[in-house]
N, C-alpha and C. Protein backbone atom coordinates (compact mmCIF):
# COMPACT_ATOMS: atom_id res chain seq x y z
N MET A 1 -30.37 -27.96 -38.37
CA MET A 1 -30.94 -28.53 -37.17
C MET A 1 -31.40 -27.37 -36.27
N ALA A 2 -32.62 -27.43 -35.81
CA ALA A 2 -33.18 -26.39 -34.96
C ALA A 2 -32.72 -26.58 -33.53
N GLU A 3 -32.49 -25.42 -32.87
CA GLU A 3 -32.07 -25.48 -31.46
C GLU A 3 -33.27 -25.80 -30.59
N ASP A 4 -33.06 -26.62 -29.60
CA ASP A 4 -34.11 -26.91 -28.62
C ASP A 4 -34.14 -25.79 -27.61
N LYS A 5 -35.29 -25.18 -27.45
CA LYS A 5 -35.42 -24.12 -26.47
C LYS A 5 -36.25 -24.65 -25.29
N PRO A 6 -35.77 -24.44 -24.08
CA PRO A 6 -36.54 -24.91 -22.95
C PRO A 6 -37.84 -24.11 -22.82
N ASP A 7 -38.85 -24.76 -22.33
CA ASP A 7 -40.13 -24.09 -22.10
C ASP A 7 -40.01 -23.24 -20.82
N VAL A 8 -39.98 -21.94 -21.01
CA VAL A 8 -39.83 -21.03 -19.89
C VAL A 8 -41.04 -20.10 -19.89
N ASP A 9 -41.70 -20.03 -18.78
CA ASP A 9 -42.86 -19.17 -18.63
C ASP A 9 -42.38 -17.84 -18.07
N ILE A 10 -42.01 -16.93 -18.98
CA ILE A 10 -41.47 -15.63 -18.59
C ILE A 10 -42.49 -14.85 -17.75
N GLU A 11 -43.73 -14.90 -18.12
CA GLU A 11 -44.76 -14.15 -17.37
C GLU A 11 -44.86 -14.64 -15.93
N ALA A 12 -44.80 -15.94 -15.73
CA ALA A 12 -44.86 -16.50 -14.38
C ALA A 12 -43.62 -16.08 -13.58
N MET A 13 -42.48 -16.05 -14.23
CA MET A 13 -41.24 -15.65 -13.55
C MET A 13 -41.34 -14.17 -13.14
N GLU A 14 -41.82 -13.32 -14.01
CA GLU A 14 -41.97 -11.92 -13.70
C GLU A 14 -42.99 -11.70 -12.58
N GLU A 15 -44.03 -12.50 -12.59
CA GLU A 15 -45.05 -12.39 -11.54
C GLU A 15 -44.47 -12.77 -10.18
N ARG A 16 -43.70 -13.86 -10.13
CA ARG A 16 -43.05 -14.27 -8.88
C ARG A 16 -42.07 -13.21 -8.41
N LEU A 17 -41.35 -12.60 -9.34
CA LEU A 17 -40.42 -11.55 -8.99
C LEU A 17 -41.17 -10.36 -8.40
N ALA A 18 -42.27 -9.97 -9.01
CA ALA A 18 -43.08 -8.86 -8.50
C ALA A 18 -43.64 -9.20 -7.11
N ASP A 19 -44.08 -10.43 -6.92
CA ASP A 19 -44.64 -10.84 -5.64
C ASP A 19 -43.59 -10.79 -4.53
N ASN A 20 -42.34 -11.02 -4.88
CA ASN A 20 -41.27 -11.06 -3.89
C ASN A 20 -40.43 -9.79 -3.85
N GLN A 21 -40.83 -8.77 -4.59
CA GLN A 21 -40.03 -7.54 -4.64
C GLN A 21 -39.90 -6.90 -3.27
N ASP A 22 -40.91 -6.97 -2.44
CA ASP A 22 -40.80 -6.37 -1.10
C ASP A 22 -39.74 -7.08 -0.29
N LEU A 23 -39.62 -8.39 -0.41
CA LEU A 23 -38.56 -9.13 0.28
C LEU A 23 -37.19 -8.75 -0.24
N ILE A 24 -37.08 -8.57 -1.54
CA ILE A 24 -35.81 -8.17 -2.15
C ILE A 24 -35.40 -6.78 -1.65
N ASP A 25 -36.36 -5.86 -1.63
CA ASP A 25 -36.08 -4.50 -1.15
C ASP A 25 -35.66 -4.50 0.30
N GLU A 26 -36.34 -5.32 1.12
CA GLU A 26 -36.01 -5.42 2.54
C GLU A 26 -34.60 -5.99 2.73
N ALA A 27 -34.23 -6.98 1.94
CA ALA A 27 -32.89 -7.57 2.03
C ALA A 27 -31.83 -6.54 1.65
N LYS A 28 -32.09 -5.78 0.60
CA LYS A 28 -31.15 -4.73 0.17
C LYS A 28 -30.97 -3.69 1.26
N ALA A 29 -32.06 -3.26 1.88
CA ALA A 29 -31.99 -2.27 2.95
C ALA A 29 -31.20 -2.80 4.14
N SER A 30 -31.43 -4.09 4.48
CA SER A 30 -30.67 -4.69 5.58
C SER A 30 -29.19 -4.76 5.26
N ALA A 31 -28.88 -5.12 4.03
CA ALA A 31 -27.48 -5.19 3.61
C ALA A 31 -26.81 -3.83 3.67
N GLU A 32 -27.53 -2.79 3.26
CA GLU A 32 -26.96 -1.43 3.30
C GLU A 32 -26.72 -1.02 4.77
N GLU A 33 -27.66 -1.33 5.65
CA GLU A 33 -27.49 -0.97 7.06
C GLU A 33 -26.31 -1.74 7.66
N LEU A 34 -26.18 -3.00 7.35
CA LEU A 34 -25.05 -3.78 7.86
C LEU A 34 -23.73 -3.26 7.34
N ALA A 35 -23.71 -2.80 6.08
CA ALA A 35 -22.49 -2.27 5.48
C ALA A 35 -22.06 -1.01 6.22
N LYS A 36 -23.03 -0.23 6.72
CA LYS A 36 -22.69 0.99 7.45
C LYS A 36 -22.12 0.67 8.83
N THR A 37 -22.70 -0.31 9.49
CA THR A 37 -22.28 -0.63 10.86
C THR A 37 -21.08 -1.57 10.90
N ASN A 38 -20.86 -2.34 9.87
CA ASN A 38 -19.74 -3.29 9.85
C ASN A 38 -19.23 -3.39 8.41
N PRO A 39 -18.41 -2.42 7.98
CA PRO A 39 -18.00 -2.37 6.59
C PRO A 39 -17.22 -3.60 6.11
N ASP A 40 -16.45 -4.24 7.00
CA ASP A 40 -15.72 -5.44 6.59
C ASP A 40 -16.00 -6.54 7.61
N PRO A 41 -16.95 -7.40 7.33
CA PRO A 41 -17.33 -8.41 8.34
C PRO A 41 -16.21 -9.42 8.62
N TYR A 42 -15.18 -9.50 7.78
CA TYR A 42 -14.09 -10.45 8.00
C TYR A 42 -12.95 -9.84 8.80
N GLU A 43 -12.99 -8.52 9.00
CA GLU A 43 -11.93 -7.88 9.74
C GLU A 43 -12.26 -7.89 11.22
N THR A 44 -11.31 -8.33 12.02
CA THR A 44 -11.49 -8.33 13.47
C THR A 44 -10.28 -7.66 14.08
N ASP A 45 -10.42 -7.29 15.33
CA ASP A 45 -9.27 -6.70 16.00
C ASP A 45 -8.44 -7.77 16.71
N ARG A 46 -8.83 -9.03 16.54
CA ARG A 46 -8.11 -10.12 17.16
C ARG A 46 -7.72 -11.14 16.08
N GLU A 47 -7.04 -10.70 15.04
CA GLU A 47 -6.71 -11.59 13.90
C GLU A 47 -5.79 -12.73 14.28
N ASP A 48 -4.97 -12.54 15.33
CA ASP A 48 -4.00 -13.57 15.70
C ASP A 48 -4.60 -14.69 16.52
N ASP A 49 -5.82 -14.50 16.99
CA ASP A 49 -6.46 -15.53 17.82
C ASP A 49 -6.86 -16.71 16.93
N ALA A 50 -6.64 -17.88 17.49
CA ALA A 50 -7.06 -19.08 16.77
C ALA A 50 -8.58 -19.19 16.80
N PRO A 51 -9.19 -19.78 15.78
CA PRO A 51 -10.64 -20.00 15.80
C PRO A 51 -11.00 -20.89 16.98
N SER A 52 -12.20 -20.72 17.50
CA SER A 52 -12.65 -21.50 18.64
C SER A 52 -12.55 -22.99 18.33
N GLY A 53 -12.04 -23.74 19.27
CA GLY A 53 -11.89 -25.18 19.08
C GLY A 53 -10.53 -25.56 18.57
N PHE A 54 -9.71 -24.59 18.20
CA PHE A 54 -8.39 -24.86 17.66
C PHE A 54 -7.29 -24.31 18.59
N GLU A 55 -7.66 -24.01 19.83
CA GLU A 55 -6.67 -23.48 20.75
C GLU A 55 -5.60 -24.54 21.00
N SER A 56 -4.41 -24.06 21.19
CA SER A 56 -3.29 -24.95 21.40
C SER A 56 -2.46 -24.44 22.57
N SER A 57 -1.87 -25.35 23.31
CA SER A 57 -0.98 -24.93 24.39
C SER A 57 0.40 -24.61 23.84
N GLN A 58 0.63 -24.90 22.58
CA GLN A 58 1.91 -24.60 21.95
C GLN A 58 1.86 -23.28 21.23
N ASP A 59 2.99 -22.59 21.21
CA ASP A 59 3.12 -21.35 20.47
C ASP A 59 3.70 -21.73 19.10
N ASP A 60 2.86 -21.78 18.08
CA ASP A 60 3.31 -22.17 16.76
C ASP A 60 3.77 -20.96 15.97
N SER A 61 4.83 -20.34 16.44
CA SER A 61 5.39 -19.18 15.77
C SER A 61 6.37 -19.67 14.71
N VAL A 62 6.60 -18.82 13.74
CA VAL A 62 7.53 -19.15 12.66
C VAL A 62 8.75 -18.27 12.85
N ASP A 63 9.95 -18.88 12.87
CA ASP A 63 11.15 -18.10 13.03
C ASP A 63 11.60 -17.49 11.69
N SER A 64 12.70 -16.76 11.71
CA SER A 64 13.16 -16.03 10.53
C SER A 64 13.54 -16.96 9.39
N HIS A 65 13.74 -18.26 9.66
CA HIS A 65 14.10 -19.21 8.62
C HIS A 65 12.85 -19.93 8.05
N GLY A 66 11.67 -19.59 8.58
CA GLY A 66 10.45 -20.23 8.12
C GLY A 66 10.14 -21.52 8.85
N ASP A 67 10.96 -21.83 9.87
CA ASP A 67 10.71 -23.04 10.66
C ASP A 67 9.70 -22.73 11.76
N VAL A 68 8.86 -23.69 12.06
CA VAL A 68 7.88 -23.51 13.13
C VAL A 68 8.55 -23.76 14.45
N ARG A 69 8.39 -22.79 15.35
CA ARG A 69 8.93 -22.93 16.70
C ARG A 69 7.79 -23.34 17.63
N THR A 70 8.07 -24.24 18.52
CA THR A 70 7.08 -24.61 19.54
C THR A 70 7.74 -24.44 20.90
N ARG A 71 6.88 -24.21 21.90
CA ARG A 71 7.43 -24.04 23.26
C ARG A 71 7.66 -25.39 23.87
């Protein structure tokens, strides 16, 4: 039984890639610049702060037994 191969226009794909290469290069340059100015975008100096909208008047600390303490 012969395998069904999808009809793929490789030439058209390569042409689209070439047409968009300047955008790809620009995105890579932007990513490199961002990596220099902010090496870890998930690292903050306020890791203990709750995300906006989740502020609570209670202190949800965990005691040494793993129980949640509230004020």
